[in-house]
C-alpha cells in the first residue's frame, strides 16, 4: 500500500522540495525500519521555502517526494501520519470573498463592506486558536480581522479579483497545542510575513484526531506607509520609435511585468 508522510514531524518542519530531498536521502535507511514499527514518525530536517509563485508546483512535488511504498507492518496497524496541504486562491470571480473566508475560519461575525453581506459563523465550533501576523509597516488596526480583510476587498475593484491565498495544513497530533501553535506561527512568519504578506491563521480541532490550520495570506505588497501597492509592477508599451503610446483616455499604454519564470 502507499502511505504519505506528514508535512510536519516532531523532528522539524519541511518547507521545500530541497528539504524533503535532504530528509529523504539522509533518513532513507530508517524508512524500512520505520515501516516495521508501530507509532512510527518519519524524521525530517529543516529547509527553505519554495518561491510563492510556485506554491502549487511545490505542493505537487511534496506529495510525490513523500509518497513511498510501505511494507506490511508485522506488528499491525498503519501508523505513519498522512501528509495534507491544500493551496487555494480566494477569488471574487468564483463567487468567493476574503471576508467570508476569514469569518468562517475564525468563527466570527464580519460584514463585507464591498457587498454589504454579513457573514456570521459565531456558532461554529472547533476553533482553538486565531491569530493575525502583520508586517512591521502594516496599520495596527489590521489586527482586527474585519478591518484587514475589508481593506483587501476595497482595494480590489474587478469582479474577478484574486483576494487572498489560502493554505490548509494538517498538524501532527503528537505535538501539544503549544507546540502546534509555535509550529504554525513559525511557518507563517518565516516564508510569508517576511516576504511581505499579512497572515491570518486559525487552528481547528474538534477532538476527532484531525487538528489542522487554515492560513489566509494577503496578495498585494504593502508600502512603507502601510498602503497597498500594485500586485505587479508595470512598464510603458513603446512603439517602433521607442515612444510611449497614448490611449484615447489620455493615459499611456502599459503592461504588467511578469515576475514568474
Protein backbone atom coordinates (compact mmCIF):
# COMPACT_ATOMS: atom_id res chain seq x y z
CA UNK A 1 0.00 0.00 0.00
CA UNK A 2 1.07 3.63 -0.32
CA UNK A 3 1.45 5.90 2.66
CA UNK A 4 2.20 9.62 2.64
CA UNK A 5 4.26 11.14 5.41
CA UNK A 6 3.23 14.27 7.28
CA UNK A 7 4.33 17.74 6.24
CA UNK A 8 5.36 18.33 9.86
CA UNK A 9 7.09 15.95 12.24
CA UNK A 10 8.42 16.05 15.77
CA UNK A 11 11.89 16.41 14.29
CA UNK A 12 11.23 19.54 12.30
CA UNK A 13 9.30 21.30 9.55
CA UNK A 14 9.92 20.60 5.89
CA UNK A 15 9.26 23.64 3.72
CA UNK A 16 10.63 22.86 0.28
CA UNK A 17 11.48 20.15 -2.18
CA UNK A 18 15.13 20.61 -1.23
CA UNK A 19 14.25 19.97 2.40
CA UNK A 20 12.25 16.89 1.51
CA UNK A 21 15.01 15.52 -0.67
CA UNK A 22 17.57 16.15 2.04
CA UNK A 23 15.45 14.47 4.67
CA UNK A 24 14.67 11.58 2.34
CA UNK A 25 18.31 10.94 1.45
CA UNK A 26 19.60 11.31 4.98
CA UNK A 27 16.98 9.08 6.53
CA UNK A 28 16.37 6.56 3.74
CA UNK A 29 17.85 3.71 5.85
CA UNK A 30 15.26 4.45 8.51
CA UNK A 31 12.32 4.01 6.14
CA UNK A 32 12.41 0.23 6.20
CA UNK A 33 12.72 0.18 9.96
CA UNK A 34 10.02 2.80 10.24
CA UNK A 35 7.64 0.72 8.14
CA UNK A 36 8.01 -2.19 10.55
CA UNK A 37 7.42 -0.17 13.68
CA UNK A 38 4.31 0.91 15.43
CA UNK A 39 3.74 4.61 16.14
CA UNK A 40 6.48 5.48 13.68
CA UNK A 41 7.26 9.11 12.89
CA UNK A 42 9.47 9.59 9.86
CA UNK A 43 12.08 12.24 10.78
CA UNK A 44 12.57 15.35 8.70
CA UNK A 45 15.16 18.06 8.63
CA UNK A 46 14.65 21.77 8.16
CA UNK A 47 14.82 23.52 4.94
CA UNK A 48 13.92 26.58 2.83
CA UNK A 49 10.62 27.71 1.39
CA UNK A 50 9.64 27.49 -2.25
CA UNK A 51 9.08 30.73 -4.20
CA UNK A 52 5.46 31.74 -3.70
CA UNK A 53 4.85 31.75 -7.42
CA UNK A 54 5.42 28.01 -7.35
CA UNK A 55 3.28 27.06 -4.35
CA UNK A 56 1.11 24.67 -6.35
CA UNK A 57 4.14 23.17 -8.04
CA UNK A 58 5.78 22.76 -4.63
CA UNK A 59 2.67 21.11 -3.23
CA UNK A 60 2.60 18.59 -6.10
CA UNK A 61 6.28 17.82 -5.69
CA UNK A 62 5.95 17.41 -1.93
CA UNK A 63 3.25 14.81 -2.46
CA UNK A 64 5.38 12.92 -4.95
CA UNK A 65 8.52 13.05 -2.83
CA UNK A 66 6.77 11.90 0.31
CA UNK A 67 4.80 9.06 -1.25
CA UNK A 68 6.59 5.78 -0.75
CA UNK A 69 5.72 2.09 -0.60
CA UNK A 70 5.31 0.83 2.92
CA UNK A 71 5.97 -2.81 3.67
CA UNK A 72 3.42 -4.74 5.66
CA UNK A 73 3.54 -3.80 9.32
CA UNK A 74 4.16 -7.03 11.18
CA UNK A 75 3.07 -5.51 14.46
CA UNK A 76 -0.16 -4.38 12.86
CA UNK A 77 -1.61 -1.02 12.00
CA UNK A 78 -0.56 1.72 9.61
CA UNK A 79 0.80 4.38 11.92
CA UNK A 80 2.60 6.81 9.62
CA UNK A 81 0.86 10.20 9.52
CA UNK A 82 -0.86 11.40 6.35
CA UNK A 83 0.57 14.49 4.71
CA UNK A 84 -2.01 17.12 3.79
CA UNK A 85 -1.50 20.59 2.34
CA UNK A 86 -4.18 22.28 0.27
CA UNK A 87 -3.43 25.57 -1.52
CA UNK A 88 -6.20 27.71 -2.99
CA UNK A 89 -6.88 31.19 -4.30
CA UNK A 90 -9.86 33.07 -2.85
CA UNK A 91 -11.25 34.72 -5.97
CA UNK A 92 -14.20 37.05 -6.38
CA UNK A 93 -14.62 35.65 -9.89
CA UNK A 94 -15.56 32.25 -8.44
CA UNK A 95 -18.05 33.81 -6.03
CA UNK A 96 -15.68 33.81 -3.05
CA UNK A 97 -15.00 36.56 -0.53
CA UNK A 98 -11.93 37.15 1.64
CA UNK A 99 -14.20 38.46 4.40
CA UNK A 100 -16.42 35.38 4.23
CA UNK A 101 -13.39 33.08 4.28
CA UNK A 102 -11.89 34.90 7.28
CA UNK A 103 -15.20 34.88 9.18
CA UNK A 104 -15.74 31.16 8.61
CA UNK A 105 -12.19 30.13 9.55
CA UNK A 106 -12.21 32.25 12.71
CA UNK A 107 -15.83 31.68 13.77
CA UNK A 108 -16.56 35.41 13.80
CA UNK A 109 -19.28 37.72 12.55
CA UNK A 110 -17.95 40.13 9.91
CA UNK A 111 -19.76 42.36 7.42
CA UNK A 112 -18.26 42.64 3.96
CA UNK A 113 -18.27 46.34 3.09
CA UNK A 114 -17.84 45.51 -0.61
CA UNK A 115 -21.28 43.94 -1.00
CA UNK A 116 -22.92 44.60 2.39
CA UNK A 117 -23.30 40.90 3.24
CA UNK A 118 -22.80 39.89 6.87
CA UNK A 119 -21.13 36.53 7.46
CA UNK A 120 -21.96 35.14 10.89
CA UNK A 121 -20.13 31.98 11.95
CA UNK A 122 -20.12 32.61 15.68
CA UNK A 123 -21.82 29.25 16.28
CA UNK A 124 -19.06 27.33 14.55
CA UNK A 125 -17.14 25.08 16.93
CA UNK A 126 -13.71 23.51 16.93
CA UNK A 127 -11.71 26.74 16.62
CA UNK A 128 -9.00 26.56 19.25
CA UNK A 129 -6.80 29.50 18.23
CA UNK A 130 -6.98 32.58 15.98
CA UNK A 131 -4.16 34.98 15.27
CA UNK A 132 -3.07 37.62 12.75
CA UNK A 133 0.59 38.25 11.96
CA UNK A 134 1.25 41.65 10.42
CA UNK A 135 4.10 43.32 8.60
CA UNK A 136 6.04 45.87 10.69
CA UNK A 137 4.70 48.66 8.46
CA UNK A 138 1.09 47.46 8.46
CA UNK A 139 -1.57 49.64 10.14
CA UNK A 140 -2.10 48.46 13.74
CA UNK A 141 -5.86 48.25 13.20
CA UNK A 142 -5.25 45.41 10.72
CA UNK A 143 -5.02 43.25 13.85
CA UNK A 144 -8.81 43.38 13.62
CA UNK A 145 -9.85 40.68 11.17
CA UNK A 146 -12.75 42.65 9.73
CA UNK A 147 -10.60 45.72 9.14
CA UNK A 148 -7.82 43.75 7.44
CA UNK A 149 -9.97 41.80 5.00
CA UNK A 150 -12.35 44.65 4.26
CA UNK A 151 -9.29 46.66 3.30
CA UNK A 152 -8.35 43.86 0.90
CA UNK A 153 -11.88 43.75 -0.52
CA UNK A 154 -11.95 47.52 -1.05
CA UNK A 155 -8.61 47.78 -2.84
CA UNK A 156 -9.62 45.13 -5.38
CA UNK A 157 -12.03 46.67 -7.88
CA UNK A 158 -12.51 43.96 -10.52
CA UNK A 159 -15.29 41.39 -10.44
CA UNK A 160 -12.73 38.63 -10.92
CA UNK A 161 -10.13 39.88 -8.45
CA UNK A 162 -7.92 37.43 -6.61
CA UNK A 163 -8.31 38.37 -2.96
CA UNK A 164 -6.18 36.00 -0.90
CA UNK A 165 -4.19 32.80 -0.85
CA UNK A 166 -5.36 30.06 1.48
CA UNK A 167 -3.34 27.15 2.80
CA UNK A 168 -4.82 24.31 4.82
CA UNK A 169 -2.22 22.14 6.51
CA UNK A 170 -2.59 19.14 8.80
CA UNK A 171 -0.91 19.32 12.20
CA UNK A 172 0.71 16.37 13.98
CA UNK A 173 -1.38 15.07 16.85
CA UNK A 174 1.84 14.09 18.61
CA UNK A 175 2.52 17.75 19.40
CA UNK A 176 0.97 19.65 22.26
CA UNK A 177 -1.27 22.62 21.48
CA UNK A 178 1.56 24.99 22.38
CA UNK A 179 3.92 23.16 20.02
CA UNK A 180 1.36 23.18 17.22
CA UNK A 181 0.85 26.90 17.71
CA UNK A 182 4.58 27.59 17.67
CA UNK A 183 4.93 25.48 14.54
CA UNK A 184 2.20 27.35 12.65
CA UNK A 185 3.42 30.73 13.83
CA UNK A 186 6.94 29.97 12.63
CA UNK A 187 5.64 28.59 9.34
CA UNK A 188 3.68 31.80 8.71
CA UNK A 189 6.39 34.18 9.86
CA UNK A 190 9.42 32.87 8.02
CA UNK A 191 8.26 32.33 4.44
CA UNK A 192 5.19 34.55 4.26
CA UNK A 193 5.25 37.56 6.59
CA UNK A 194 8.97 38.05 5.97
CA UNK A 195 8.18 38.16 2.23
CA UNK A 196 5.65 40.97 2.61
CA UNK A 197 2.33 39.26 3.42
CA UNK A 198 -0.08 39.53 6.31
CA UNK A 199 -1.04 36.10 7.64
CA UNK A 200 -4.36 35.28 9.30
CA UNK A 201 -4.29 31.76 10.73
CA UNK A 202 -6.76 29.66 12.68
CA UNK A 203 -6.20 26.26 14.25
CA UNK A 204 -9.18 23.92 14.12
CA UNK A 205 -9.54 20.79 16.25
CA UNK A 206 -12.86 19.15 17.02
CA UNK A 207 -11.20 16.39 19.03
CA UNK A 208 -11.57 13.82 16.27
CA UNK A 209 -7.86 13.40 15.65
CA UNK A 210 -7.60 15.88 12.78
CA UNK A 211 -6.03 19.12 14.04
CA UNK A 212 -5.25 21.46 11.16
CA UNK A 213 -4.54 25.10 10.39
CA UNK A 214 -6.18 27.46 7.90
CA UNK A 215 -3.85 30.23 6.74
CA UNK A 216 -5.12 33.23 4.76
CA UNK A 217 -2.44 35.37 3.10
CA UNK A 218 -2.74 38.80 1.54
CA UNK A 219 -1.64 39.09 -2.09
CA UNK A 220 -0.63 42.73 -2.53
CA UNK A 221 2.70 44.17 -1.37
CA UNK A 222 2.48 46.96 1.17
CA UNK A 223 4.35 50.26 1.04
CA UNK A 224 6.34 51.80 3.86
CA UNK A 225 3.38 54.00 4.80
CA UNK A 226 1.10 50.98 5.22
CA UNK A 227 -0.70 51.42 1.89
CA UNK A 228 -1.44 48.60 -0.54
CA UNK A 229 0.71 48.62 -3.68
CA UNK A 230 0.03 47.09 -7.13
CA UNK A 231 0.32 43.32 -7.25
CA UNK A 232 2.88 43.54 -10.03
CA UNK A 233 4.92 46.42 -11.48
CA UNK A 234 4.01 47.90 -14.86
CA UNK A 235 6.01 49.30 -17.74
CA UNK A 236 5.11 51.54 -20.65
CA UNK A 237 4.46 49.92 -24.01
CA UNK A 238 6.61 51.63 -26.67
CA UNK A 239 6.03 51.98 -30.39
CA UNK A 240 8.59 51.21 -33.12
CA UNK A 241 10.24 54.56 -32.46
CA UNK A 242 10.63 53.92 -28.76
CA UNK A 243 7.91 56.40 -27.83
CA UNK A 244 5.15 55.79 -25.32
CA UNK A 245 1.74 55.01 -26.82
CA UNK A 246 -1.03 57.38 -25.75
CA UNK A 247 -4.54 55.94 -25.41
CA UNK A 248 -7.82 57.67 -26.22
CA UNK A 249 -8.27 58.31 -22.49
CA UNK A 250 -5.10 60.37 -22.48
CA UNK A 251 -3.17 57.82 -20.45
CA UNK A 252 -0.19 55.90 -21.73
CA UNK A 253 -0.49 52.23 -22.59
CA UNK A 254 1.16 49.95 -20.03
CA UNK A 255 1.60 46.25 -19.39
CA UNK A 256 2.35 44.18 -16.34
CA UNK A 257 5.86 42.86 -15.83
CA UNK A 258 5.81 39.09 -15.44
CA UNK A 259 7.80 38.22 -12.32
CA UNK A 260 7.27 34.47 -12.69
CA UNK A 261 9.71 32.37 -14.68
